[in-house]
Amino acid sequence: MIYLKDTSDTKINPAREDGNLQDIKGNTKQFGTNDIDEASSTLTYVGKEDADENWVVQQIDTSSGTAITYATETNNPTYETYASAWTDRATLTYQNYKDAF
């Protein structure tokens, strides 16, 4: 069975409304999904954008458990458009939620 784990390798339950899940849901629900790239059997990118052209790319890595990290304009300030960020999705800086937003 595959479990989601945090950065300290502790199992987490993404269905619970504690921790920062509520913040993640609140801050990402205005984003619409533009693109999905299943880059490999263990790596998927999900590109999202809001109506104000703010963007986020999620990197979902299942190579050793499941890790979801985020690239945004905050941690990738040289990428001003979704299109440029999506083009370079494999080389963006990805961080956990609290550091990416």
C-alpha atoms as a PDB file:
ATOM      1  CA  MET A   1       0.000   0.000   0.000  1.00  0.00           C
ATOM      2  CA  ILE A   2       1.229   3.510  -0.797  1.00  0.00           C
ATOM      3  CA  TYR A   3       1.009   6.156   1.914  1.00  0.00           C
ATOM      4  CA  LEU A   4       1.432   9.912   1.757  1.00  0.00           C
ATOM      5  CA  LYS A   5       4.301  11.083   3.921  1.00  0.00           C
ATOM      6  CA  ASP A   6       5.512  14.466   5.034  1.00  0.00           C
ATOM      7  CA  THR A   7       9.108  15.643   4.714  1.00  0.00           C
ATOM      8  CA  SER A   8      10.068  13.881   7.959  1.00  0.00           C
ATOM      9  CA  ASP A   9       8.836  10.570   6.467  1.00  0.00           C
ATOM     10  CA  THR A  10       5.797  10.461   8.777  1.00  0.00           C
ATOM     11  CA  LYS A  11       2.567   9.040   7.341  1.00  0.00           C
ATOM     12  CA  ILE A  12      -0.131  11.664   6.849  1.00  0.00           C
ATOM     13  CA  ASN A  13      -3.832  11.415   6.119  1.00  0.00           C
ATOM     14  CA  PRO A  14      -4.745  13.875   3.334  1.00  0.00           C
ATOM     15  CA  ALA A  15      -8.447  13.441   4.023  1.00  0.00           C
ATOM     16  CA  ARG A  16      -8.232  15.119   7.423  1.00  0.00           C
ATOM     17  CA  GLU A  17      -8.934  18.813   7.811  1.00  0.00           C
ATOM     18  CA  ASP A  18      -6.127  19.417  10.297  1.00  0.00           C
ATOM     19  CA  GLY A  19      -2.601  20.559   9.623  1.00  0.00           C
ATOM     20  CA  ASN A  20      -2.342  22.772   6.557  1.00  0.00           C
ATOM     21  CA  LEU A  21      -4.804  20.900   4.312  1.00  0.00           C
ATOM     22  CA  GLN A  22      -7.465  23.555   4.864  1.00  0.00           C
ATOM     23  CA  ASP A  23      -4.995  26.286   3.849  1.00  0.00           C
ATOM     24  CA  ILE A  24      -3.976  24.359   0.752  1.00  0.00           C
ATOM     25  CA  LYS A  25      -7.595  23.853  -0.260  1.00  0.00           C
ATOM     26  CA  GLY A  26      -8.405  27.519   0.346  1.00  0.00           C
ATOM     27  CA  ASN A  27      -5.418  28.887  -1.522  1.00  0.00           C
ATOM     28  CA  THR A  28      -5.549  26.566  -4.505  1.00  0.00           C
ATOM     29  CA  LYS A  29      -9.275  26.198  -5.156  1.00  0.00           C
ATOM     30  CA  GLN A  30      -9.376  29.326  -7.329  1.00  0.00           C
ATOM     31  CA  PHE A  31      -6.834  27.749  -9.676  1.00  0.00           C
ATOM     32  CA  GLY A  32      -8.042  25.851 -12.725  1.00  0.00           C
ATOM     33  CA  THR A  33      -6.059  22.964 -14.170  1.00  0.00           C
ATOM     34  CA  ASN A  34      -4.504  23.759 -17.539  1.00  0.00           C
ATOM     35  CA  ASP A  35      -2.177  20.822 -18.143  1.00  0.00           C
ATOM     36  CA  ILE A  36      -1.182  17.419 -16.794  1.00  0.00           C
ATOM     37  CA  ASP A  37       2.073  15.738 -17.745  1.00  0.00           C
ATOM     38  CA  GLU A  38       2.709  12.159 -16.646  1.00  0.00           C
ATOM     39  CA  ALA A  39       6.431  12.549 -17.201  1.00  0.00           C
ATOM     40  CA  SER A  40       7.241   9.033 -15.976  1.00  0.00           C
ATOM     41  CA  SER A  41       5.665   6.196 -14.045  1.00  0.00           C
ATOM     42  CA  THR A  42       6.564   7.990 -10.791  1.00  0.00           C
ATOM     43  CA  LEU A  43       6.485  11.693 -11.708  1.00  0.00           C
ATOM     44  CA  THR A  44       3.476  13.797 -12.664  1.00  0.00           C
ATOM     45  CA  TYR A  45       3.189  17.559 -13.145  1.00  0.00           C
ATOM     46  CA  VAL A  46      -0.116  19.422 -12.816  1.00  0.00           C
ATOM     47  CA  GLY A  47      -0.168  22.997 -14.126  1.00  0.00           C
ATOM     48  CA  LYS A  48      -2.776  25.409 -12.781  1.00  0.00           C
ATOM     49  CA  GLU A  49      -3.602  29.083 -13.256  1.00  0.00           C
ATOM     50  CA  ASP A  50      -6.124  31.513 -11.817  1.00  0.00           C
ATOM     51  CA  ALA A  51      -8.090  34.296 -13.510  1.00  0.00           C
ATOM     52  CA  ASP A  52      -5.377  36.833 -12.597  1.00  0.00           C
ATOM     53  CA  GLU A  53      -2.685  34.753 -14.354  1.00  0.00           C
ATOM     54  CA  ASN A  54      -1.068  33.580 -11.122  1.00  0.00           C
ATOM     55  CA  TRP A  55       0.247  30.074 -11.619  1.00  0.00           C
ATOM     56  CA  VAL A  56       1.229  26.964  -9.701  1.00  0.00           C
ATOM     57  CA  VAL A  57       2.759  23.716 -10.892  1.00  0.00           C
ATOM     58  CA  GLN A  58       2.414  20.696  -8.622  1.00  0.00           C
ATOM     59  CA  GLN A  59       5.004  17.959  -8.799  1.00  0.00           C
ATOM     60  CA  ILE A  60       3.729  14.588  -7.611  1.00  0.00           C
ATOM     61  CA  ASP A  61       6.551  12.134  -7.014  1.00  0.00           C
ATOM     62  CA  THR A  62       5.734   8.555  -6.044  1.00  0.00           C
ATOM     63  CA  SER A  63       9.265   7.150  -6.310  1.00  0.00           C
ATOM     64  CA  SER A  64       9.478   6.618  -2.529  1.00  0.00           C
ATOM     65  CA  GLY A  65       6.027   7.141  -1.084  1.00  0.00           C
ATOM     66  CA  THR A  66       4.101  10.141  -2.389  1.00  0.00           C
ATOM     67  CA  ALA A  67       5.505  13.661  -2.207  1.00  0.00           C
ATOM     68  CA  ILE A  68       3.604  16.673  -3.517  1.00  0.00           C
ATOM     69  CA  THR A  69       5.616  19.850  -3.921  1.00  0.00           C
ATOM     70  CA  TYR A  70       4.840  23.198  -5.520  1.00  0.00           C
ATOM     71  CA  ALA A  71       6.446  25.655  -7.888  1.00  0.00           C
ATOM     72  CA  THR A  72       4.978  29.166  -7.858  1.00  0.00           C
ATOM     73  CA  GLU A  73       5.996  32.696  -8.702  1.00  0.00           C
ATOM     74  CA  THR A  74       7.185  33.004  -5.098  1.00  0.00           C
ATOM     75  CA  ASN A  75       9.894  30.371  -5.387  1.00  0.00           C
ATOM     76  CA  ASN A  76      10.473  30.916  -9.153  1.00  0.00           C
ATOM     77  CA  PRO A  77      10.389  34.721  -9.530  1.00  0.00           C
ATOM     78  CA  THR A  78      11.976  34.777 -12.996  1.00  0.00           C
ATOM     79  CA  TYR A  79       8.934  32.983 -14.446  1.00  0.00           C
ATOM     80  CA  GLU A  80       6.286  35.631 -14.918  1.00  0.00           C
ATOM     81  CA  THR A  81       3.866  33.621 -17.071  1.00  0.00           C
ATOM     82  CA  TYR A  82       2.228  30.249 -16.786  1.00  0.00           C
ATOM     83  CA  ALA A  83       3.369  29.355 -20.309  1.00  0.00           C
ATOM     84  CA  SER A  84       7.055  29.882 -19.515  1.00  0.00           C
ATOM     85  CA  ALA A  85       6.767  28.020 -16.213  1.00  0.00           C
ATOM     86  CA  TRP A  86       4.978  25.087 -17.820  1.00  0.00           C
ATOM     87  CA  THR A  87       7.604  24.868 -20.565  1.00  0.00           C
ATOM     88  CA  ASP A  88      10.355  24.594 -17.922  1.00  0.00           C
ATOM     89  CA  ARG A  89       8.360  22.517 -15.402  1.00  0.00           C
ATOM     90  CA  ALA A  90      11.074  19.870 -15.082  1.00  0.00           C
ATOM     91  CA  THR A  91      13.659  22.426 -13.929  1.00  0.00           C
ATOM     92  CA  LEU A  92      11.555  24.708 -11.705  1.00  0.00           C
ATOM     93  CA  THR A  93      12.250  25.002  -7.993  1.00  0.00           C
ATOM     94  CA  TYR A  94       9.739  22.900  -6.039  1.00  0.00           C
ATOM     95  CA  GLN A  95       9.145  23.242  -2.304  1.00  0.00           C
ATOM     96  CA  ASN A  96       6.599  22.260   0.272  1.00  0.00           C
ATOM     97  CA  TYR A  97       3.410  24.276   0.422  1.00  0.00           C
ATOM     98  CA  LYS A  98       4.341  26.734   3.171  1.00  0.00           C
ATOM     99  CA  ASP A  99       7.545  27.746   1.377  1.00  0.00           C
ATOM    100  CA  ALA A 100       6.078  27.930  -2.129  1.00  0.00           C
ATOM    101  CA  PHE A 101       3.160  30.263  -1.315  1.00  0.00           C
END
